Amino acid sequence: MAEGGLLAWKLQKLQDQPPYVDFSPDTLLKALPPLPTGLEWTRQSDGNWAISACQAQGTEDTENAPPQPALPAFLEHVIMPEDTLVGICLRYRVSKKELHHYNDFFGEHFRLCKVLRIPNKFTDVEAVAQLQPRSREVDLQRFRYESGLGMKEAAFYLETNDWSLALALLQFRGDTEWESAHVEGAAAAAPPRAGANRHHQQAQQQQQQRSAKHARPPRMQAVTGTSGAAFAVGDDGTIEMVPSDADQTVPLLAASGGRSSC
């Protein structure tokens, strides 16, 4: 027998009995029944549940809520200097084949396009707005594509119009039309320069001198006539033979024809 096995000071007895708790599955998994609208279950301080009225809270009126704006079938993406083709595909959840189909580029040369047309794969308005948020950098790049100006000139137009893209483009087009009209009108009204006229006259004189130097004397075809006849030039420029014993003249050939021989 082990030492102290039956000694009184070795025996342990429970003085207080613990409360009984039912841990059966039916009791633990039993849910509270649903309540009508306007009531809710609340837990009391003793652990029991009681029914009470719902507190007045701002609830969304789904029936009278304004409808969400319809999402477009295609989205536009302004190509930025830091964009890559793989990054655009991952951002918009599209494939390269789809980008090739809806845009005019081939292979990896997506920068041939200024703005990409991408099919919309999203149904949430906020998610679409976060794909390419509106920023000054995006407006600046779009203005450069539309106007063909450099960075500083494009920034000047946008800063002048409080970074409004529509107003900046309107001002740029007005300046372009004004410049075209005034430059063309000034060019048409401006007198020719004296130096240019003098140079043109000298060129004409030199051309005439070269032509006269290399010009050949007129050649005339041989003609025959009777002895004792005389030749004369008529009023119309023809060479005529005048017989000595007659008053009538006989035309032989034109003055520009060539030489004459008798």
Protein backbone atom coordinates (compact mmCIF):
# COMPACT_ATOMS: atom_id res chain seq x y z
CA MET A 1 0.00 0.00 0.00
CA ALA A 2 1.31 3.41 -0.94
CA GLU A 3 2.30 5.61 1.91
CA GLY A 4 -0.45 7.96 3.01
CA GLY A 5 -3.03 6.46 0.68
CA LEU A 6 -5.76 6.45 3.32
CA LEU A 7 -4.71 9.29 5.50
CA ALA A 8 -7.31 11.97 6.08
CA TRP A 9 -5.09 14.81 5.10
CA LYS A 10 -4.45 13.10 1.73
CA LEU A 11 -8.13 12.94 0.76
CA GLN A 12 -9.49 15.85 -1.40
CA LYS A 13 -13.18 16.65 -1.45
CA LEU A 14 -15.16 19.34 -3.39
CA GLN A 15 -16.84 21.74 -1.06
CA ASP A 16 -19.07 23.56 -3.65
CA GLN A 17 -20.78 21.86 -6.57
CA PRO A 18 -20.33 23.70 -9.94
CA PRO A 19 -23.48 24.86 -11.74
CA TYR A 20 -24.86 22.54 -14.33
CA VAL A 21 -24.67 23.75 -17.96
CA ASP A 22 -26.25 21.98 -20.86
CA PHE A 23 -23.66 21.65 -23.62
CA SER A 24 -25.78 19.51 -25.90
CA PRO A 25 -25.65 20.42 -29.66
CA ASP A 26 -29.36 21.20 -29.73
CA THR A 27 -28.94 23.89 -27.09
CA LEU A 28 -25.74 25.45 -28.46
CA LEU A 29 -26.83 25.63 -32.12
CA LYS A 30 -30.33 26.86 -31.51
CA ALA A 31 -30.69 30.33 -33.13
CA LEU A 32 -33.02 33.06 -32.07
CA PRO A 33 -36.19 33.25 -34.15
CA PRO A 34 -36.50 36.12 -36.63
CA LEU A 35 -38.47 39.15 -35.55
CA PRO A 36 -40.83 41.43 -37.48
CA THR A 37 -39.62 44.68 -38.96
CA GLY A 38 -38.88 47.27 -36.30
CA LEU A 39 -37.94 44.76 -33.54
CA GLU A 40 -34.62 43.29 -32.58
CA TRP A 41 -33.05 40.99 -30.00
CA THR A 42 -31.04 42.62 -27.21
CA ARG A 43 -28.89 40.85 -24.63
CA GLN A 44 -29.67 41.66 -21.00
CA SER A 45 -27.15 42.02 -18.19
CA ASP A 46 -28.00 38.54 -16.89
CA GLY A 47 -27.21 36.93 -20.21
CA ASN A 48 -30.76 36.46 -21.40
CA TRP A 49 -32.16 37.79 -24.65
CA ALA A 50 -35.09 40.17 -24.85
CA ILE A 51 -37.08 41.75 -27.64
CA SER A 52 -36.92 45.52 -28.01
CA ALA A 53 -37.80 48.10 -30.61
CA CYS A 54 -35.13 49.12 -33.10
CA GLN A 55 -33.51 52.46 -32.58
CA ALA A 56 -34.18 55.07 -35.24
CA GLN A 57 -31.28 54.97 -37.68
CA GLY A 58 -30.76 56.40 -41.09
CA THR A 59 -31.69 53.66 -43.52
CA GLU A 60 -31.22 53.74 -47.26
CA ASP A 61 -34.35 54.19 -49.27
CA THR A 62 -33.69 51.83 -52.13
CA GLU A 63 -37.02 52.53 -53.80
CA ASN A 64 -36.53 56.32 -54.07
CA ALA A 65 -32.77 56.24 -54.52
CA PRO A 66 -31.56 57.75 -57.82
CA PRO A 67 -30.45 55.16 -60.39
CA GLN A 68 -26.75 54.68 -60.95
CA PRO A 69 -25.36 56.06 -64.21
CA ALA A 70 -25.02 53.54 -66.99
CA LEU A 71 -21.47 52.44 -67.62
CA PRO A 72 -20.10 52.78 -71.16
CA ALA A 73 -19.32 49.73 -73.22
CA PHE A 74 -15.81 51.03 -73.96
CA LEU A 75 -13.33 53.00 -71.86
CA GLU A 76 -10.62 55.41 -72.97
CA HIS A 77 -7.10 55.29 -71.62
CA VAL A 78 -4.71 58.15 -72.31
CA ILE A 79 -1.27 56.65 -72.88
CA MET A 80 1.19 58.04 -70.35
CA PRO A 81 5.00 57.92 -70.52
CA GLU A 82 5.19 55.32 -67.76
CA ASP A 83 2.58 52.93 -69.22
CA THR A 84 3.39 49.42 -70.39
CA LEU A 85 1.25 47.08 -72.47
CA VAL A 86 1.24 44.37 -69.80
CA GLY A 87 0.29 46.87 -67.11
CA ILE A 88 -2.65 48.16 -69.17
CA CYS A 89 -3.88 44.61 -69.77
CA LEU A 90 -3.74 43.77 -66.07
CA ARG A 91 -5.40 47.01 -65.03
CA TYR A 92 -8.36 46.71 -67.41
CA ARG A 93 -8.55 42.88 -67.35
CA VAL A 94 -8.18 42.57 -71.11
CA SER A 95 -5.84 40.64 -73.37
CA LYS A 96 -3.43 41.93 -75.98
CA LYS A 97 -5.60 40.42 -78.67
CA GLU A 98 -8.54 42.56 -77.57
CA LEU A 99 -6.41 45.70 -77.58
CA HIS A 100 -5.18 44.88 -81.10
CA HIS A 101 -8.76 44.32 -82.22
CA TYR A 102 -10.13 47.65 -81.02
CA ASN A 103 -7.05 49.81 -81.66
CA ASP A 104 -4.86 50.52 -84.66
CA PHE A 105 -1.51 49.05 -83.64
CA PHE A 106 0.34 45.77 -83.92
CA GLY A 107 2.70 43.82 -81.71
CA GLU A 108 4.02 45.80 -78.75
CA HIS A 109 3.80 49.18 -80.49
CA PHE A 110 0.82 50.47 -78.54
CA ARG A 111 2.33 53.97 -78.38
CA LEU A 112 1.36 54.44 -82.02
CA CYS A 113 -2.05 55.25 -80.54
CA LYS A 114 -2.55 58.32 -78.38
CA VAL A 115 -5.70 57.06 -76.64
CA LEU A 116 -6.60 53.37 -76.32
CA ARG A 117 -10.17 52.14 -76.74
CA ILE A 118 -10.71 49.33 -74.24
CA PRO A 119 -13.84 47.18 -73.68
CA ASN A 120 -15.33 47.66 -70.24
CA LYS A 121 -15.16 44.59 -67.99
CA PHE A 122 -16.36 46.34 -64.81
CA THR A 123 -19.85 46.93 -63.39
CA ASP A 124 -18.97 49.26 -60.50
CA VAL A 125 -18.84 53.00 -61.19
CA GLU A 126 -16.20 53.63 -58.54
CA ALA A 127 -13.99 50.85 -59.90
CA VAL A 128 -14.14 52.38 -63.38
CA ALA A 129 -13.26 55.81 -62.02
CA GLN A 130 -10.16 54.42 -60.32
CA LEU A 131 -8.74 52.83 -63.48
CA GLN A 132 -7.24 56.15 -64.64
CA PRO A 133 -8.19 58.93 -62.22
CA ARG A 134 -8.52 62.43 -63.61
CA SER A 135 -5.36 64.37 -62.85
CA ARG A 136 -3.32 67.26 -64.18
CA GLU A 137 -0.78 64.89 -65.68
CA VAL A 138 -3.50 63.10 -67.67
CA ASP A 139 -5.03 66.41 -68.86
CA LEU A 140 -1.58 67.69 -69.83
CA GLN A 141 -0.83 64.58 -71.87
CA ARG A 142 -4.24 64.68 -73.59
CA PHE A 143 -3.76 68.38 -74.44
CA ARG A 144 -0.36 67.63 -75.96
CA TYR A 145 -1.90 64.90 -78.11
CA GLU A 146 -4.66 67.23 -79.30
CA SER A 147 -2.48 70.29 -79.98
CA GLY A 148 0.92 68.84 -80.82
CA LEU A 149 2.64 71.36 -78.52
CA GLY A 150 5.52 70.78 -76.17
CA MET A 151 5.37 70.39 -72.42
CA LYS A 152 5.87 74.06 -71.52
CA GLU A 153 3.43 75.42 -74.11
CA ALA A 154 0.73 72.91 -73.11
CA ALA A 155 1.20 73.71 -69.41
CA PHE A 156 0.87 77.43 -70.20
CA TYR A 157 -2.53 76.97 -71.87
CA LEU A 158 -3.82 74.78 -69.04
CA GLU A 159 -2.58 77.09 -66.28
CA THR A 160 -4.11 80.09 -68.03
CA ASN A 161 -7.51 78.36 -68.07
CA ASP A 162 -7.34 77.02 -64.50
CA TRP A 163 -6.48 73.51 -65.79
CA SER A 164 -9.73 73.20 -67.72
CA LEU A 165 -8.99 70.97 -70.70
CA ALA A 166 -12.00 72.13 -72.72
CA LEU A 167 -11.23 75.85 -72.25
CA ALA A 168 -7.54 75.35 -72.99
CA LEU A 169 -8.30 73.56 -76.26
CA LEU A 170 -10.78 76.29 -77.19
CA GLN A 171 -8.18 79.01 -76.63
CA PHE A 172 -5.53 77.08 -78.57
CA ARG A 173 -7.81 76.62 -81.60
CA GLY A 174 -8.74 80.29 -81.56
CA ASP A 175 -5.08 81.32 -81.47
CA THR A 176 -4.29 78.96 -84.33
CA GLU A 177 -7.08 80.36 -86.52
CA TRP A 178 -6.07 83.97 -85.76
CA GLU A 179 -2.43 83.26 -86.54
CA SER A 180 -3.25 81.53 -89.82
CA ALA A 181 -5.50 84.37 -91.00
CA HIS A 182 -3.04 87.15 -90.14
CA VAL A 183 0.06 85.40 -91.47
CA GLU A 184 -1.59 84.62 -94.83
CA GLY A 185 -3.00 88.14 -95.12
CA ALA A 186 0.35 89.75 -94.32
CA ALA A 187 2.13 87.57 -96.87
CA ALA A 188 -0.38 88.48 -99.58
CA ALA A 189 -0.28 92.25 -98.84
CA ALA A 190 3.49 92.55 -98.45
CA PRO A 191 5.22 94.16 -101.55
CA PRO A 192 7.95 92.16 -103.24
CA ARG A 193 11.44 92.90 -102.09
CA ALA A 194 13.65 95.13 -104.25
CA GLY A 195 16.57 92.75 -103.99
CA ALA A 196 14.43 89.86 -105.18
CA ASN A 197 13.17 91.85 -108.17
CA ARG A 198 16.68 92.93 -109.14
CA HIS A 199 17.92 89.36 -108.93
CA HIS A 200 15.01 88.18 -111.07
CA GLN A 201 15.69 90.84 -113.72
CA GLN A 202 19.38 89.96 -113.85
CA ALA A 203 18.54 86.31 -114.29
CA GLN A 204 16.20 87.13 -117.16
CA GLN A 205 18.84 89.30 -118.87
CA GLN A 206 21.47 86.58 -118.55
CA GLN A 207 19.07 84.04 -120.01
CA GLN A 208 18.31 86.30 -122.96
CA GLN A 209 22.02 86.91 -123.58
CA ARG A 210 22.76 83.19 -123.58
CA SER A 211 19.87 82.57 -125.96
CA ALA A 212 21.06 85.29 -128.35
CA LYS A 213 24.65 84.02 -128.24
CA HIS A 214 23.73 80.46 -129.17
CA ALA A 215 21.03 81.40 -131.70
CA ARG A 216 21.77 80.33 -135.29
CA PRO A 217 21.08 82.57 -138.29
CA PRO A 218 17.99 81.63 -140.30
CA ARG A 219 18.55 79.17 -143.06
CA MET A 220 16.77 79.62 -146.36
CA GLN A 221 16.02 76.96 -148.91
CA ALA A 222 17.47 77.24 -152.40
CA VAL A 223 15.21 78.79 -155.03
CA THR A 224 15.51 78.99 -158.79
CA GLY A 225 14.45 81.77 -161.13
CA THR A 226 14.96 83.16 -164.56
CA SER A 227 17.94 85.23 -165.47
CA GLY A 228 17.43 88.94 -165.51
CA ALA A 229 14.75 88.80 -162.79
CA ALA A 230 14.82 90.93 -159.64
CA PHE A 231 13.87 89.89 -156.09
CA ALA A 232 11.82 91.99 -153.69
CA VAL A 233 10.30 91.53 -150.22
CA GLY A 234 6.53 91.89 -150.13
CA ASP A 235 4.37 93.50 -147.47
CA ASP A 236 3.56 90.15 -145.88
CA GLY A 237 7.20 89.20 -145.53
CA THR A 238 7.50 86.92 -148.55
CA ILE A 239 10.31 87.06 -151.09
CA GLU A 240 8.99 87.75 -154.56
CA MET A 241 10.62 87.63 -157.99
CA VAL A 242 9.79 90.52 -160.24
CA PRO A 243 10.27 89.78 -163.98
CA SER A 244 11.92 92.52 -165.96
CA ASP A 245 9.34 92.43 -168.75
CA ALA A 246 6.20 92.07 -166.57
CA ASP A 247 4.48 93.99 -163.81
CA GLN A 248 3.19 90.89 -161.96
CA THR A 249 5.10 89.31 -159.07
CA VAL A 250 5.42 85.62 -158.27
CA PRO A 251 5.90 84.58 -154.55
CA LEU A 252 8.73 82.09 -154.12
CA LEU A 253 9.12 81.39 -150.35
CA ALA A 254 8.71 82.99 -146.92
CA ALA A 255 11.36 85.28 -145.47
CA SER A 256 12.05 82.78 -142.72
CA GLY A 257 12.56 79.98 -145.17
CA GLY A 258 16.29 80.16 -145.96
CA ARG A 259 18.85 81.40 -148.40
CA SER A 260 18.09 82.24 -151.99
CA SER A 261 20.22 81.55 -155.05
CA CYS A 262 19.80 82.61 -158.66
